[in-house]
């Protein structure tokens, strides 16, 4: 069996056998490379064209789908608008009611239960006293501000004033007037009770006193915020 000879031995055995040369002209090599490059560019352009066509087709389909949805929504809108016109009177009435409630709430913001208030004045009145004159002056709730504690050395209620009252009448003794002043000072909604005059004569004592009314007396019957918070 004959072993293959190494290249060195072939060169010794047969001179010239180890020589190799590339005799292909450079133009041919360049032409082949250009052909391969053109093929790759053609493939890339073909793939790009396919992708563009697919994207365009998807965009067209989405456009048609969007148009169909728009048409469907418009078709739904027409009967809904017709239904809305049917209830336009109801919505206008509701708006007028809301406006009326707001106006009433503003006008009645300083609403006071006068009957209950007079009962509070009469309850602590001793049997030996009577009220002959009563003057009530109410303030607007929008201008009433919380009174600072001890303001002017008199107001210690810390509540917002809503008005003032002047009471005049007769009593048997000065002690009756003093007891009535103490009872009024302890009455909810009453503050700054001040005797303005006390004069005794043969018929008894003629007294006069003033006091402030606080926002505790507001019944807030038309308070929209309170009604809205009620479940």
Protein backbone atom coordinates (compact mmCIF):
# COMPACT_ATOMS: atom_id res chain seq x y z
CA UNK A 1 0.00 0.00 0.00
CA UNK A 2 1.50 3.32 -1.04
CA UNK A 3 1.24 6.24 1.41
CA UNK A 4 0.49 9.72 0.16
CA UNK A 5 3.53 11.97 0.03
CA UNK A 6 3.68 15.27 1.86
CA UNK A 7 3.82 18.41 -0.29
CA UNK A 8 7.55 18.78 0.44
CA UNK A 9 8.22 15.27 -0.86
CA UNK A 10 6.06 15.90 -3.94
CA UNK A 11 8.10 19.01 -4.65
CA UNK A 12 11.28 16.88 -4.45
CA UNK A 13 9.83 13.99 -6.42
CA UNK A 14 8.13 16.16 -9.09
CA UNK A 15 9.31 19.73 -9.36
CA UNK A 16 6.54 22.30 -9.83
CA UNK A 17 3.73 20.24 -8.36
CA UNK A 18 3.53 22.47 -5.25
CA UNK A 19 2.95 25.67 -7.24
CA UNK A 20 -0.66 27.07 -7.29
CA UNK A 21 -1.83 30.26 -8.95
CA UNK A 22 -5.24 31.95 -9.32
CA UNK A 23 -5.50 32.81 -12.98
CA UNK A 24 -9.12 34.07 -12.87
CA UNK A 25 -9.19 37.64 -14.11
CA UNK A 26 -10.19 40.30 -11.53
CA UNK A 27 -13.01 41.44 -13.79
CA UNK A 28 -14.62 38.01 -13.56
CA UNK A 29 -14.29 37.97 -9.78
CA UNK A 30 -15.76 41.46 -9.52
CA UNK A 31 -18.58 40.50 -11.88
CA UNK A 32 -19.41 37.47 -9.76
CA UNK A 33 -19.42 39.52 -6.57
CA UNK A 34 -21.59 42.19 -8.21
CA UNK A 35 -24.01 39.51 -9.34
CA UNK A 36 -24.29 38.14 -5.80
CA UNK A 37 -24.74 41.65 -4.43
CA UNK A 38 -27.44 42.43 -6.96
CA UNK A 39 -29.24 39.22 -6.07
CA UNK A 40 -29.17 40.10 -2.38
CA UNK A 41 -30.40 43.65 -3.10
CA UNK A 42 -33.21 42.25 -5.26
CA UNK A 43 -34.24 39.86 -2.49
CA UNK A 44 -34.18 42.70 0.07
CA UNK A 45 -36.25 44.95 -2.18
CA UNK A 46 -38.71 42.14 -2.77
CA UNK A 47 -39.08 41.54 0.98
CA UNK A 48 -39.48 45.28 1.59
CA UNK A 49 -42.13 45.54 -1.11
CA UNK A 50 -44.01 42.61 0.42
CA UNK A 51 -43.87 44.23 3.87
CA UNK A 52 -45.07 47.56 2.45
CA UNK A 53 -47.92 45.83 0.66
CA UNK A 54 -48.92 43.95 3.82
CA UNK A 55 -48.77 47.16 5.89
CA UNK A 56 -50.85 49.03 3.34
CA UNK A 57 -53.39 46.22 3.28
CA UNK A 58 -53.65 46.25 7.09
CA UNK A 59 -54.04 50.04 7.09
CA UNK A 60 -56.80 49.83 4.51
CA UNK A 61 -58.58 47.15 6.53
CA UNK A 62 -58.29 49.20 9.73
CA UNK A 63 -59.60 52.23 7.87
CA UNK A 64 -62.62 50.28 6.65
CA UNK A 65 -63.18 48.90 10.15
CA UNK A 66 -62.98 52.41 11.67
CA UNK A 67 -65.46 53.72 9.10
CA UNK A 68 -67.85 50.90 9.87
CA UNK A 69 -67.61 51.62 13.61
CA UNK A 70 -68.12 55.33 13.01
CA UNK A 71 -71.17 54.64 10.89
CA UNK A 72 -72.55 52.28 13.55
CA UNK A 73 -72.03 54.87 16.31
CA UNK A 74 -73.65 57.56 14.21
CA UNK A 75 -76.58 55.26 13.60
CA UNK A 76 -76.88 54.79 17.38
CA UNK A 77 -76.55 58.53 18.02
CA UNK A 78 -79.56 59.49 15.92
CA UNK A 79 -82.18 57.61 18.02
CA UNK A 80 -80.43 58.68 21.22
CA UNK A 81 -80.67 62.32 20.20
CA UNK A 82 -84.31 61.82 19.35
CA UNK A 83 -84.83 60.25 22.80
CA UNK A 84 -83.02 63.16 24.41
CA UNK A 85 -85.31 65.65 22.68
CA UNK A 86 -88.27 63.78 24.10
CA UNK A 87 -87.05 64.48 27.65
CA UNK A 88 -85.83 68.05 27.05
CA UNK A 89 -88.83 69.42 28.96
CA UNK A 90 -87.99 67.21 31.92
CA UNK A 91 -84.35 68.32 32.02
CA UNK A 92 -85.38 71.98 31.73
CA UNK A 93 -87.83 71.52 34.59
CA UNK A 94 -85.15 69.88 36.71
CA UNK A 95 -82.76 72.74 35.98
CA UNK A 96 -85.42 75.27 37.00
CA UNK A 97 -86.12 73.34 40.20
CA UNK A 98 -82.42 73.26 41.04
CA UNK A 99 -82.15 76.99 40.42
CA UNK A 100 -85.21 77.65 42.57
CA UNK A 101 -83.83 75.52 45.41
CA UNK A 102 -80.53 77.38 45.24
CA UNK A 103 -82.30 80.74 45.34
CA UNK A 104 -84.54 79.68 48.22
CA UNK A 105 -81.51 78.35 50.12
CA UNK A 106 -79.80 81.71 49.66
CA UNK A 107 -82.84 83.68 50.75
CA UNK A 108 -83.56 81.43 53.73
CA UNK A 109 -79.95 81.02 54.87
CA UNK A 110 -80.80 82.97 58.04
CA UNK A 111 -84.11 81.19 58.65
CA UNK A 112 -85.00 80.97 62.35
CA UNK A 113 -87.87 79.07 63.98
CA UNK A 114 -89.50 82.11 65.58
CA UNK A 115 -92.10 80.11 67.51
CA UNK A 116 -89.44 77.92 69.12
CA UNK A 117 -87.28 80.98 69.81
CA UNK A 118 -90.12 82.81 71.61
CA UNK A 119 -90.74 79.70 73.68
CA UNK A 120 -87.07 79.76 74.71
CA UNK A 121 -87.48 83.37 75.82
CA UNK A 122 -90.67 82.72 77.75
CA UNK A 123 -89.60 79.47 79.46
CA UNK A 124 -87.04 80.95 81.89
CA UNK A 125 -89.26 83.97 82.60
CA UNK A 126 -90.25 84.01 86.30
CA UNK A 127 -93.93 84.23 87.16
CA UNK A 128 -93.32 87.66 88.69
CA UNK A 129 -92.07 89.07 85.35
CA UNK A 130 -93.65 89.90 82.01
CA UNK A 131 -92.44 90.95 78.57
CA UNK A 132 -94.17 93.98 77.10
CA UNK A 133 -91.86 94.84 74.17
CA UNK A 134 -89.74 92.64 71.97
CA UNK A 135 -87.64 93.79 69.01
CA UNK A 136 -85.67 91.32 66.86
CA UNK A 137 -83.07 92.42 64.33
CA UNK A 138 -81.66 89.64 62.12
CA UNK A 139 -78.47 89.95 60.11
CA UNK A 140 -77.74 88.48 56.71
CA UNK A 141 -76.02 85.12 57.15
CA UNK A 142 -73.53 86.03 54.41
CA UNK A 143 -72.12 88.93 56.44
CA UNK A 144 -72.18 87.21 59.81
CA UNK A 145 -68.70 86.13 60.89
CA UNK A 146 -67.67 84.01 63.90
CA UNK A 147 -67.24 86.24 66.90
CA UNK A 148 -63.84 86.11 68.52
CA UNK A 149 -63.85 84.93 72.11
CA UNK A 150 -63.97 87.94 74.38
CA UNK A 151 -64.30 90.46 71.52
CA UNK A 152 -65.08 93.85 72.98
CA UNK A 153 -64.94 92.28 76.42
CA UNK A 154 -68.52 90.95 76.05
CA UNK A 155 -68.84 88.23 73.42
CA UNK A 156 -67.65 84.90 74.84
CA UNK A 157 -69.88 82.57 72.78
CA UNK A 158 -67.41 81.99 69.95
CA UNK A 159 -70.40 81.55 67.59
CA UNK A 160 -71.38 83.59 64.53
CA UNK A 161 -73.94 86.28 65.41
CA UNK A 162 -77.12 86.35 63.32
CA UNK A 163 -78.97 89.17 65.04
CA UNK A 164 -79.85 90.97 68.23
CA UNK A 165 -82.89 91.27 70.49
CA UNK A 166 -84.16 94.04 72.72
CA UNK A 167 -86.58 92.95 75.47
CA UNK A 168 -88.52 95.21 77.79
CA UNK A 169 -91.06 94.52 80.49
CA UNK A 170 -91.94 94.60 84.16
CA UNK A 171 -90.75 92.68 87.21
CA UNK A 172 -91.49 92.63 90.90
CA UNK A 173 -87.91 92.97 92.15
CA UNK A 174 -84.41 93.55 90.81
CA UNK A 175 -83.56 89.95 91.77
CA UNK A 176 -86.14 88.72 89.26
CA UNK A 177 -84.34 90.63 86.51
CA UNK A 178 -80.97 89.22 87.60
CA UNK A 179 -82.31 85.64 87.60
CA UNK A 180 -83.83 86.15 84.17
CA UNK A 181 -80.53 87.50 82.81
CA UNK A 182 -78.71 84.42 84.14
CA UNK A 183 -81.35 82.09 82.65
CA UNK A 184 -81.14 83.79 79.26
CA UNK A 185 -77.33 83.58 79.27
CA UNK A 186 -77.63 79.80 79.67
CA UNK A 187 -80.15 79.48 76.82
CA UNK A 188 -78.73 77.92 73.59
CA UNK A 189 -78.45 80.48 70.82
CA UNK A 190 -78.36 83.44 73.20
CA UNK A 191 -75.17 85.36 74.02
CA UNK A 192 -74.03 88.67 75.49
CA UNK A 193 -77.07 89.32 77.67
CA UNK A 194 -76.74 92.91 78.92
CA UNK A 195 -79.30 94.77 81.12
CA UNK A 196 -79.63 98.26 79.65
CA UNK A 197 -81.98 99.74 82.24
CA UNK A 198 -83.77 98.87 85.47
CA UNK A 199 -86.00 101.40 87.23
CA UNK A 200 -88.28 100.86 90.21
CA UNK A 201 -91.52 102.71 90.86
CA UNK A 202 -94.72 102.14 92.80
CA UNK A 203 -95.88 99.47 90.31
CA UNK A 204 -92.63 97.47 90.34
CA UNK A 205 -89.46 97.37 88.26
CA UNK A 206 -89.30 98.47 84.65
CA UNK A 207 -86.43 96.64 82.92
CA UNK A 208 -84.83 96.54 79.52
CA UNK A 209 -82.09 94.25 78.26
CA UNK A 210 -80.39 93.29 75.02
CA UNK A 211 -78.67 90.12 73.84
CA UNK A 212 -77.23 88.59 70.67
CA UNK A 213 -78.53 85.63 68.68
CA UNK A 214 -76.02 83.07 67.39
CA UNK A 215 -76.09 80.68 64.44
CA UNK A 216 -77.14 77.90 66.79
CA UNK A 217 -80.72 79.05 66.18
CA UNK A 218 -80.52 78.56 62.40
CA UNK A 219 -82.74 75.65 61.42
CA UNK A 220 -81.10 75.28 57.95
CA UNK A 221 -84.31 73.89 56.51
CA UNK A 222 -83.21 74.65 52.96
CA UNK A 223 -79.55 73.74 53.31
CA UNK A 224 -78.74 72.04 49.97
CA UNK A 225 -75.35 70.78 51.18
CA UNK A 226 -76.97 69.01 54.11
CA UNK A 227 -79.59 67.38 51.85
CA UNK A 228 -76.97 66.29 49.33
CA UNK A 229 -74.99 64.59 52.07
CA UNK A 230 -78.07 62.68 53.28
CA UNK A 231 -78.13 59.14 51.69
